[in-house]
């Protein structure tokens, strides 16, 4: 009986339970800490826009900042290919350690940059270069954290684990960013935030590197990877020698292309909801920084609840049905929530719709992680999952830029968001229709 069979039959030793617990914590916190680093830019977008990409139009400055965010996302597939290939051949742990330290250090470096007023055009150029570097490391974290956790739990919990890592990790990352934003806004109120507050936000990235190193250095490899290595050592069957090459050739290329319909929709849905909320609350609703941070912390909790619940639902009724239900419901509900949030005149009403938007947005990609895991064998799971996720999310991550460009002023942002949400979730629903049911296909 293989380790995978032992897991699925519920026969686990104390050591296996400990490994599973450690893997869950590592996957969740690894993704949380890296998204914390990535989200920092979203919380300081209005300030960074003025300091590095000043224009006469606030929406154009925002578009430039979101474009720099998209640049990071575009480099994530490169990181997924590099670190995913390494993770499939040599282990998830090593890839995770290097990637998370790289993300934290590159994030902290933003706090040292001169502004365009201090250094001229070299400032935005260096800013964009650092975003490229950060993107490679973030892509590497995806390839490792998005496999070792689900590979270490029983089959009946994989959907919930998918939601916990993807959505829960994103929620915790956003919650940490909100907390740091609240603290720095209090220490550097008003105009002082544009001088030192945004820099301290980026400096906090070093904390994620330190935490990640202490968390992951004692982590063991997943039982699926260990089993693969045992088979490889015994030479009982062939093992994929180049996961990246295999992914882009033969039948797996078609699997990758079909996956992108769902990952694009889920990624765009996330960045148009939780990703755009910090900007929406500040430039559309005009909420002060301290109120915005509290509302966003509540939205982060809403996102976590949604992701785990919808992920667990996919364990009960299947991945495909969940995708279809979420896709159809979202096309109706998100536009209503955007337009209602724009009309909110008090904090309570604004908070209600913000929490609803976060809940709906995170439901879209809760089962995506396990769906991707189930589409690829162990020998190429990190590479296949990492590239499918990162390419789709890179394309989806460009949507906030287009929303800002499509809006002639801040008053047009809510309608632009509503229109784009319908479009991306129509693509998401199409992907769900064309995709097979994968529940139980983990191998």
Protein backbone atom coordinates (compact mmCIF):
# COMPACT_ATOMS: atom_id res chain seq x y z
CA UNK A 1 0.00 0.00 0.00
CA UNK A 2 1.41 3.40 -0.99
CA UNK A 3 1.48 6.43 1.26
CA UNK A 4 -1.31 7.99 -0.82
CA UNK A 5 -3.48 4.89 -0.32
CA UNK A 6 -2.76 4.89 3.39
CA UNK A 7 -3.85 8.53 3.60
CA UNK A 8 -7.04 7.99 1.69
CA UNK A 9 -7.98 5.02 3.87
CA UNK A 10 -7.50 7.08 7.02
CA UNK A 11 -4.61 4.97 8.34
CA UNK A 12 -2.10 7.54 9.54
CA UNK A 13 0.74 7.36 11.99
CA UNK A 14 1.61 10.03 14.54
CA UNK A 15 4.53 11.10 12.34
CA UNK A 16 2.26 11.41 9.30
CA UNK A 17 -0.26 13.48 11.27
CA UNK A 18 2.52 15.76 12.48
CA UNK A 19 3.84 16.14 8.93
CA UNK A 20 0.35 16.94 7.67
CA UNK A 21 -0.19 19.56 10.38
CA UNK A 22 3.17 21.19 9.67
CA UNK A 23 2.49 21.17 5.92
CA UNK A 24 -0.91 22.81 6.41
CA UNK A 25 0.60 25.55 8.59
CA UNK A 26 3.49 26.07 6.17
CA UNK A 27 1.26 26.27 3.10
CA UNK A 28 -1.21 28.62 4.76
CA UNK A 29 1.34 30.95 6.31
CA UNK A 30 3.67 30.79 3.31
CA UNK A 31 0.96 32.04 0.98
CA UNK A 32 -0.29 34.50 3.62
CA UNK A 33 3.12 36.07 4.14
CA UNK A 34 3.81 36.42 0.44
CA UNK A 35 0.41 37.94 -0.25
CA UNK A 36 1.02 40.26 2.67
CA UNK A 37 4.11 41.50 0.82
CA UNK A 38 2.19 41.76 -2.44
CA UNK A 39 -0.84 43.52 -0.91
CA UNK A 40 1.21 46.30 0.64
CA UNK A 41 1.25 48.07 -2.71
CA UNK A 42 -2.55 47.99 -2.89
CA UNK A 43 -2.81 49.77 0.45
CA UNK A 44 -0.43 52.55 -0.53
CA UNK A 45 -1.50 52.77 -4.20
CA UNK A 46 -2.82 56.38 -4.08
CA UNK A 47 0.36 57.62 -2.37
CA UNK A 48 2.74 55.61 -4.56
CA UNK A 49 0.88 56.80 -7.65
CA UNK A 50 1.62 60.43 -6.78
CA UNK A 51 5.25 59.80 -5.78
CA UNK A 52 6.32 57.58 -8.68
CA UNK A 53 3.72 58.06 -11.44
CA UNK A 54 2.36 61.62 -11.06
CA UNK A 55 -0.24 62.79 -13.60
CA UNK A 56 -2.96 65.41 -13.74
CA UNK A 57 -5.60 62.64 -13.44
CA UNK A 58 -5.93 60.56 -10.23
CA UNK A 59 -7.31 57.58 -12.19
CA UNK A 60 -4.30 57.61 -14.56
CA UNK A 61 -1.91 57.56 -11.58
CA UNK A 62 -3.88 54.65 -10.13
CA UNK A 63 -3.76 52.90 -13.49
CA UNK A 64 0.03 53.25 -13.50
CA UNK A 65 0.30 51.74 -10.01
CA UNK A 66 -1.98 48.85 -10.92
CA UNK A 67 0.03 48.38 -14.11
CA UNK A 68 3.14 47.95 -11.92
CA UNK A 69 1.15 45.42 -9.91
CA UNK A 70 0.31 43.62 -13.16
CA UNK A 71 4.01 43.61 -14.07
CA UNK A 72 4.65 41.57 -10.93
CA UNK A 73 1.88 39.18 -11.88
CA UNK A 74 3.29 38.76 -15.40
CA UNK A 75 6.60 37.57 -13.94
CA UNK A 76 4.93 35.01 -11.70
CA UNK A 77 4.72 32.35 -14.46
CA UNK A 78 8.50 32.67 -14.85
CA UNK A 79 8.94 32.03 -11.15
CA UNK A 80 6.46 29.15 -11.31
CA UNK A 81 8.43 27.53 -14.13
CA UNK A 82 11.78 27.90 -12.33
CA UNK A 83 10.71 27.00 -8.80
CA UNK A 84 7.99 24.54 -9.88
CA UNK A 85 10.46 22.56 -11.94
CA UNK A 86 12.83 22.51 -8.96
CA UNK A 87 10.02 21.53 -6.56
CA UNK A 88 8.93 18.60 -8.76
CA UNK A 89 12.47 17.30 -9.19
CA UNK A 90 14.10 18.08 -5.83
CA UNK A 91 11.34 18.85 -3.32
CA UNK A 92 8.78 21.47 -2.29
CA UNK A 93 10.60 22.59 0.88
CA UNK A 94 13.74 24.01 -0.74
CA UNK A 95 11.77 25.91 -3.35
CA UNK A 96 9.53 27.38 -0.66
CA UNK A 97 12.41 28.57 1.53
CA UNK A 98 14.25 30.41 -1.23
CA UNK A 99 11.12 31.95 -2.69
CA UNK A 100 9.65 33.37 0.49
CA UNK A 101 12.92 34.95 1.60
CA UNK A 102 13.30 36.47 -1.86
CA UNK A 103 9.83 38.00 -1.74
CA UNK A 104 10.38 39.59 1.67
CA UNK A 105 13.76 41.10 0.80
CA UNK A 106 12.58 42.48 -2.55
CA UNK A 107 9.51 43.99 -0.86
CA UNK A 108 11.59 45.74 1.79
CA UNK A 109 13.79 47.20 -0.94
CA UNK A 110 10.88 49.34 -2.16
CA UNK A 111 11.10 51.33 1.06
CA UNK A 112 14.60 52.48 0.11
CA UNK A 113 13.68 53.86 -3.32
CA UNK A 114 13.93 57.56 -4.18
CA UNK A 115 10.76 59.20 -5.53
CA UNK A 116 10.44 60.77 -8.98
CA UNK A 117 10.87 64.20 -7.38
CA UNK A 118 14.17 63.08 -5.84
CA UNK A 119 15.67 61.08 -8.72
CA UNK A 120 13.63 61.79 -11.84
CA UNK A 121 12.56 59.04 -14.24
CA UNK A 122 15.08 56.59 -12.78
CA UNK A 123 12.75 56.24 -9.77
CA UNK A 124 9.79 54.61 -11.59
CA UNK A 125 12.24 52.56 -13.67
CA UNK A 126 13.84 51.02 -10.56
CA UNK A 127 10.38 50.60 -9.04
CA UNK A 128 9.25 48.53 -12.03
CA UNK A 129 12.49 46.51 -12.03
CA UNK A 130 11.95 45.53 -8.41
CA UNK A 131 8.38 44.55 -9.23
CA UNK A 132 9.77 42.13 -11.84
CA UNK A 133 12.11 40.55 -9.31
CA UNK A 134 9.37 40.29 -6.71
CA UNK A 135 7.08 38.61 -9.24
CA UNK A 136 9.56 35.81 -9.92
CA UNK A 137 9.79 34.94 -6.23
CA UNK A 138 6.02 35.13 -5.67
CA UNK A 139 5.51 32.71 -8.56
CA UNK A 140 7.92 30.36 -6.83
CA UNK A 141 5.96 30.46 -3.59
CA UNK A 142 2.78 29.49 -5.44
CA UNK A 143 4.44 26.45 -6.99
CA UNK A 144 5.48 25.08 -3.59
CA UNK A 145 2.80 26.20 -1.11
CA UNK A 146 -0.03 25.22 -3.46
CA UNK A 147 1.07 21.59 -3.56
CA UNK A 148 2.64 20.50 -0.29
CA UNK A 149 -0.46 21.32 1.78
CA UNK A 150 -3.01 19.43 -0.32
CA UNK A 151 -0.58 16.55 -0.83
CA UNK A 152 -0.41 16.07 2.92
CA UNK A 153 -4.09 15.80 3.91
CA UNK A 154 -6.74 13.12 3.51
CA UNK A 155 -8.84 13.10 0.32
CA UNK A 156 -12.01 14.17 2.16
CA UNK A 157 -10.41 17.44 3.29
CA UNK A 158 -8.66 18.52 0.09
CA UNK A 159 -11.35 20.94 -1.03
CA UNK A 160 -11.42 22.64 2.36
CA UNK A 161 -7.61 22.70 2.31
CA UNK A 162 -7.74 24.35 -1.10
CA UNK A 163 -9.94 27.12 0.25
CA UNK A 164 -7.86 27.45 3.40
CA UNK A 165 -4.59 27.90 1.50
CA UNK A 166 -5.84 29.98 -1.42
CA UNK A 167 -8.60 32.06 0.12
CA UNK A 168 -7.64 31.73 3.78
CA UNK A 169 -4.04 32.57 2.97
CA UNK A 170 -5.15 35.56 0.96
CA UNK A 171 -7.44 36.65 3.79
CA UNK A 172 -4.70 36.40 6.40
CA UNK A 173 -2.28 38.22 4.09
CA UNK A 174 -4.80 41.02 3.59
CA UNK A 175 -5.58 41.08 7.32
CA UNK A 176 -1.89 41.47 8.17
CA UNK A 177 -1.57 44.22 5.56
CA UNK A 178 -4.60 45.99 7.03
CA UNK A 179 -3.11 45.75 10.52
CA UNK A 180 0.25 47.14 9.39
CA UNK A 181 -1.59 49.87 7.48
CA UNK A 182 -3.58 50.79 10.59
CA UNK A 183 -0.41 50.96 12.71
CA UNK A 184 1.61 53.00 10.22
CA UNK A 185 -1.33 55.34 9.55
CA UNK A 186 -1.55 56.00 13.28
CA UNK A 187 2.19 56.59 13.64
CA UNK A 188 2.39 58.72 10.49
CA UNK A 189 -0.97 60.53 10.21
CA UNK A 190 -2.03 62.79 7.35
CA UNK A 191 0.75 64.10 5.11
CA UNK A 192 3.42 62.28 7.14
CA UNK A 193 2.24 58.98 5.64
CA UNK A 194 3.38 60.20 2.19
CA UNK A 195 6.86 60.83 3.63
CA UNK A 196 7.64 57.84 5.87
CA UNK A 197 4.49 55.77 6.32
CA UNK A 198 4.57 54.09 2.90
CA UNK A 199 8.26 53.26 3.33
CA UNK A 200 7.63 51.55 6.67
CA UNK A 201 4.84 49.54 5.04
CA UNK A 202 7.38 48.10 2.60
CA UNK A 203 10.06 47.60 5.29
CA UNK A 204 7.66 45.26 7.10
CA UNK A 205 8.32 42.75 4.30
CA UNK A 206 11.48 41.71 6.14
CA UNK A 207 9.29 40.30 8.91
CA UNK A 208 7.70 37.85 6.47
CA UNK A 209 11.12 36.59 5.40
CA UNK A 210 12.20 35.97 8.98
CA UNK A 211 8.93 34.28 9.93
CA UNK A 212 8.97 32.15 6.79
CA UNK A 213 12.51 30.97 7.43
CA UNK A 214 11.74 29.84 10.99
CA UNK A 215 8.48 28.17 9.94
CA UNK A 216 9.74 26.25 6.91
CA UNK A 217 13.25 25.15 7.83
CA UNK A 218 11.95 22.15 9.86
CA UNK A 219 9.29 21.16 7.32
CA UNK A 220 9.28 17.65 5.85
CA UNK A 221 8.42 16.80 2.26
CA UNK A 222 4.88 15.65 1.40
CA UNK A 223 4.11 11.89 1.38
CA UNK A 224 3.28 12.05 -2.33
CA UNK A 225 6.70 13.50 -3.16
CA UNK A 226 8.44 10.99 -0.90
CA UNK A 227 6.60 8.16 -2.66
CA UNK A 228 7.65 9.53 -6.03
CA UNK A 229 11.28 9.66 -4.91
CA UNK A 230 11.08 6.08 -3.62
CA UNK A 231 9.73 4.87 -6.97
CA UNK A 232 12.36 6.84 -8.82
CA UNK A 233 15.15 5.37 -6.68
CA UNK A 234 13.84 1.85 -7.19
CA UNK A 235 13.58 2.50 -10.95
CA UNK A 236 10.21 0.72 -11.09
CA UNK A 237 8.63 3.24 -13.43
CA UNK A 238 9.55 6.24 -15.51
CA UNK A 239 9.52 9.65 -13.86
CA UNK A 240 9.10 12.99 -15.61
CA UNK A 241 12.59 14.45 -16.10
CA UNK A 242 11.50 17.88 -17.38
CA UNK A 243 8.12 18.94 -15.91
CA UNK A 244 8.08 22.26 -17.82
CA UNK A 245 8.77 20.58 -21.17
CA UNK A 246 6.14 17.92 -20.50
CA UNK A 247 3.55 20.55 -19.57
CA UNK A 248 3.89 22.39 -22.87
CA UNK A 249 3.86 19.28 -25.03
CA UNK A 250 1.29 16.58 -25.72
CA UNK A 251 -2.04 16.36 -23.88
CA UNK A 252 -1.00 18.49 -20.91
CA UNK A 253 -0.79 21.59 -23.09
CA UNK A 254 -4.54 21.35 -23.69
CA UNK A 255 -5.11 20.79 -19.97
CA UNK A 256 -3.15 23.97 -19.25
CA UNK A 257 -5.12 26.04 -21.76
CA UNK A 258 -8.47 24.89 -20.38
CA UNK A 259 -7.30 25.55 -16.82
CA UNK A 260 -6.58 29.17 -17.75
CA UNK A 261 -10.25 29.94 -18.36
CA UNK A 262 -11.00 29.21 -14.72
CA UNK A 263 -7.80 30.67 -13.22
CA UNK A 264 -8.21 33.86 -15.26
CA UNK A 265 -11.79 34.26 -14.07
CA UNK A 266 -10.96 33.43 -10.46
CA UNK A 267 -7.88 35.67 -10.47
CA UNK A 268 -9.63 38.61 -12.10
CA UNK A 269 -12.56 38.20 -9.73
CA UNK A 270 -10.22 38.31 -6.75
CA UNK A 271 -8.28 41.39 -7.89
CA UNK A 272 -11.48 43.22 -8.85
CA UNK A 273 -12.91 42.59 -5.38
CA UNK A 274 -10.46 42.22 -2.48
CA UNK A 275 -7.68 43.71 -4.58
CA UNK A 276 -9.61 46.84 -5.54
CA UNK A 277 -11.40 47.40 -2.23
CA UNK A 278 -8.63 49.50 -0.59
CA UNK A 279 -8.71 51.94 -3.50
CA UNK A 280 -12.51 51.88 -3.79
CA UNK A 281 -13.09 52.74 -0.13
CA UNK A 282 -10.61 55.62 -0.24
CA UNK A 283 -11.23 57.26 -3.62
CA UNK A 284 -14.93 56.46 -4.18
CA UNK A 285 -16.33 56.41 -0.63
CA UNK A 286 -13.74 58.84 0.74
CA UNK A 287 -13.20 56.93 3.99
CA UNK A 288 -10.18 57.98 6.11
CA UNK A 289 -7.22 55.61 6.41
CA UNK A 290 -8.02 54.36 9.91
CA UNK A 291 -11.65 53.55 9.03
CA UNK A 292 -10.62 51.95 5.74
CA UNK A 293 -8.15 49.65 7.49
CA UNK A 294 -10.79 48.44 9.96
CA UNK A 295 -13.32 47.76 7.18
CA UNK A 296 -10.65 45.89 5.22
CA UNK A 297 -9.81 43.74 8.23
CA UNK A 298 -13.45 42.73 8.40
CA UNK A 299 -13.42 42.03 4.67
CA UNK A 300 -10.39 39.78 5.15
CA UNK A 301 -12.27 37.68 7.69
CA UNK A 302 -15.24 37.49 5.31
CA UNK A 303 -12.88 36.31 2.56
CA UNK A 304 -11.45 33.55 4.75
CA UNK A 305 -14.89 32.26 5.77
CA UNK A 306 -16.01 32.23 2.14
CA UNK A 307 -12.94 30.41 0.84
CA UNK A 308 -12.99 27.61 3.41
CA UNK A 309 -16.77 27.14 3.16
CA UNK A 310 -16.85 27.04 -0.64
CA UNK A 311 -13.76 24.81 -0.75
CA UNK A 312 -15.44 22.37 1.66
CA UNK A 313 -18.60 22.49 -0.46
CA UNK A 314 -16.57 21.22 -3.40
CA UNK A 315 -15.71 18.13 -1.32
CA UNK A 316 -19.43 17.42 -1.03
CA UNK A 317 -20.81 18.17 -4.49
CA UNK A 318 -17.69 18.30 -6.68
CA UNK A 319 -15.48 21.01 -8.14
CA UNK A 320 -17.40 21.49 -11.39
CA UNK A 321 -20.79 22.13 -9.76
CA UNK A 322 -19.26 24.66 -7.38
CA UNK A 323 -17.61 26.52 -10.26
CA UNK A 324 -20.92 26.69 -12.11
CA UNK A 325 -22.94 27.87 -9.08
CA UNK A 326 -20.37 30.50 -8.10
CA UNK A 327 -19.91 31.76 -11.66
CA UNK A 328 -23.61 32.31 -12.31
CA UNK A 329 -24.35 33.85 -8.90
CA UNK A 330 -21.36 36.18 -9.08
CA UNK A 331 -22.38 37.66 -12.44
CA UNK A 332 -25.59 38.84 -10.76
CA UNK A 333 -24.46 39.74 -7.25
CA UNK A 334 -21.16 41.56 -7.79
CA UNK A 335 -22.56 44.38 -9.97
CA UNK A 336 -25.30 44.99 -7.39
CA UNK A 337 -22.75 45.17 -4.57
CA UNK A 338 -20.39 47.53 -6.43
CA UNK A 339 -23.11 50.01 -7.29
CA UNK A 340 -24.62 49.82 -3.79
CA UNK A 341 -21.24 50.37 -2.12
CA UNK A 342 -20.72 53.49 -4.23
CA UNK A 343 -24.01 54.90 -2.93
CA UNK A 344 -23.29 54.08 0.72
CA UNK A 345 -23.38 57.21 2.88
CA UNK A 346 -22.43 55.69 6.24
CA UNK A 347 -19.70 53.38 7.46
CA UNK A 348 -22.10 50.58 8.46
CA UNK A 349 -23.62 50.31 4.98
CA UNK A 350 -20.22 50.59 3.31
CA UNK A 351 -18.86 47.85 5.57
CA UNK A 352 -21.76 45.52 4.73
CA UNK A 353 -21.19 45.76 0.99
CA UNK A 354 -17.41 45.60 1.36
CA UNK A 355 -17.74 42.33 3.31
CA UNK A 356 -20.18 41.00 0.71
CA UNK A 357 -17.80 41.85 -2.15
CA UNK A 358 -14.91 40.12 -0.36
CA UNK A 359 -17.06 37.04 0.33
CA UNK A 360 -18.19 36.73 -3.30
CA UNK A 361 -14.77 37.43 -4.80
CA UNK A 362 -13.00 34.77 -2.74
CA UNK A 363 -15.67 32.15 -3.43
CA UNK A 364 -14.62 32.19 -7.07
CA UNK A 365 -11.20 30.67 -6.59
CA UNK A 366 -11.62 28.63 -3.39
CA UNK A 367 -11.70 25.22 -5.19
CA UNK A 368 -9.29 26.29 -7.95
CA UNK A 369 -6.17 25.09 -6.15
CA UNK A 370 -7.36 21.52 -5.60
CA UNK A 371 -8.88 21.44 -9.09
CA UNK A 372 -5.44 22.23 -10.53
CA UNK A 373 -3.73 19.71 -8.23
CA UNK A 374 -6.09 17.01 -9.46
CA UNK A 375 -5.32 17.83 -13.09
CA UNK A 376 -1.65 16.82 -12.82
CA UNK A 377 0.31 13.82 -11.47
CA UNK A 378 2.78 14.21 -8.60
CA UNK A 379 5.79 14.29 -10.93
CA UNK A 380 4.65 17.57 -12.44
CA UNK A 381 2.05 18.87 -9.97
CA UNK A 382 4.04 21.85 -8.70
CA UNK A 383 4.91 22.96 -12.23
CA UNK A 384 1.42 22.39 -13.67
CA UNK A 385 -0.40 23.95 -10.73
CA UNK A 386 2.05 26.86 -10.46
CA UNK A 387 1.93 27.80 -14.13
CA UNK A 388 -1.83 27.31 -14.49
CA UNK A 389 -2.45 29.47 -11.42
CA UNK A 390 0.13 32.15 -12.16
CA UNK A 391 -0.61 32.63 -15.86
CA UNK A 392 -4.34 32.89 -15.17
CA UNK A 393 -3.87 35.22 -12.21
CA UNK A 394 -1.36 37.31 -14.16
CA UNK A 395 -3.93 37.90 -16.89
CA UNK A 396 -6.66 38.46 -14.32
CA UNK A 397 -4.46 40.84 -12.38
CA UNK A 398 -4.42 43.24 -15.31
CA UNK A 399 -8.15 43.88 -14.95
CA UNK A 400 -7.83 46.59 -12.24
CA UNK A 401 -5.55 48.51 -14.62
CA UNK A 402 -8.17 48.34 -17.36
CA UNK A 403 -10.90 49.36 -14.92
CA UNK A 404 -8.94 52.48 -13.98
CA UNK A 405 -8.23 53.28 -17.64
CA UNK A 406 -11.88 52.75 -18.59
CA UNK A 407 -13.01 55.19 -15.91
CA UNK A 408 -12.78 58.86 -16.89
CA UNK A 409 -13.10 59.78 -13.22
CA UNK A 410 -13.59 58.19 -9.82
CA UNK A 411 -17.38 58.37 -10.20
CA UNK A 412 -17.20 55.90 -13.13
CA UNK A 413 -15.16 53.26 -11.25
CA UNK A 414 -18.15 51.36 -9.74
CA UNK A 415 -19.86 50.86 -13.13
CA UNK A 416 -16.58 49.84 -14.75
CA UNK A 417 -16.03 47.26 -12.02
CA UNK A 418 -19.57 45.92 -12.50
CA UNK A 419 -19.12 45.51 -16.26
CA UNK A 420 -15.71 43.86 -15.97
CA UNK A 421 -16.97 41.49 -13.25
CA UNK A 422 -19.73 40.20 -15.52
CA UNK A 423 -17.25 39.63 -18.35
CA UNK A 424 -14.60 37.77 -16.38
CA UNK A 425 -17.07 35.51 -14.62
CA UNK A 426 -18.71 34.69 -17.93
CA UNK A 427 -15.30 33.33 -19.01
CA UNK A 428 -14.98 31.55 -15.67
CA UNK A 429 -18.37 29.88 -16.15
CA UNK A 430 -17.42 28.82 -19.68
CA UNK A 431 -14.31 27.17 -18.26
CA UNK A 432 -16.45 25.33 -15.72
CA UNK A 433 -18.75 24.06 -18.47
CA UNK A 434 -15.84 22.76 -20.57
CA UNK A 435 -13.82 21.26 -17.70
CA UNK A 436 -14.25 17.70 -16.39
CA UNK A 437 -15.11 16.83 -12.80
CA UNK A 438 -11.79 16.17 -11.04
CA UNK A 439 -12.86 15.24 -7.51
CA UNK A 440 -11.14 11.99 -6.53
CA UNK A 441 -8.58 12.18 -9.35
CA UNK A 442 -5.58 13.05 -7.12
CA UNK A 443 -2.66 10.79 -8.08
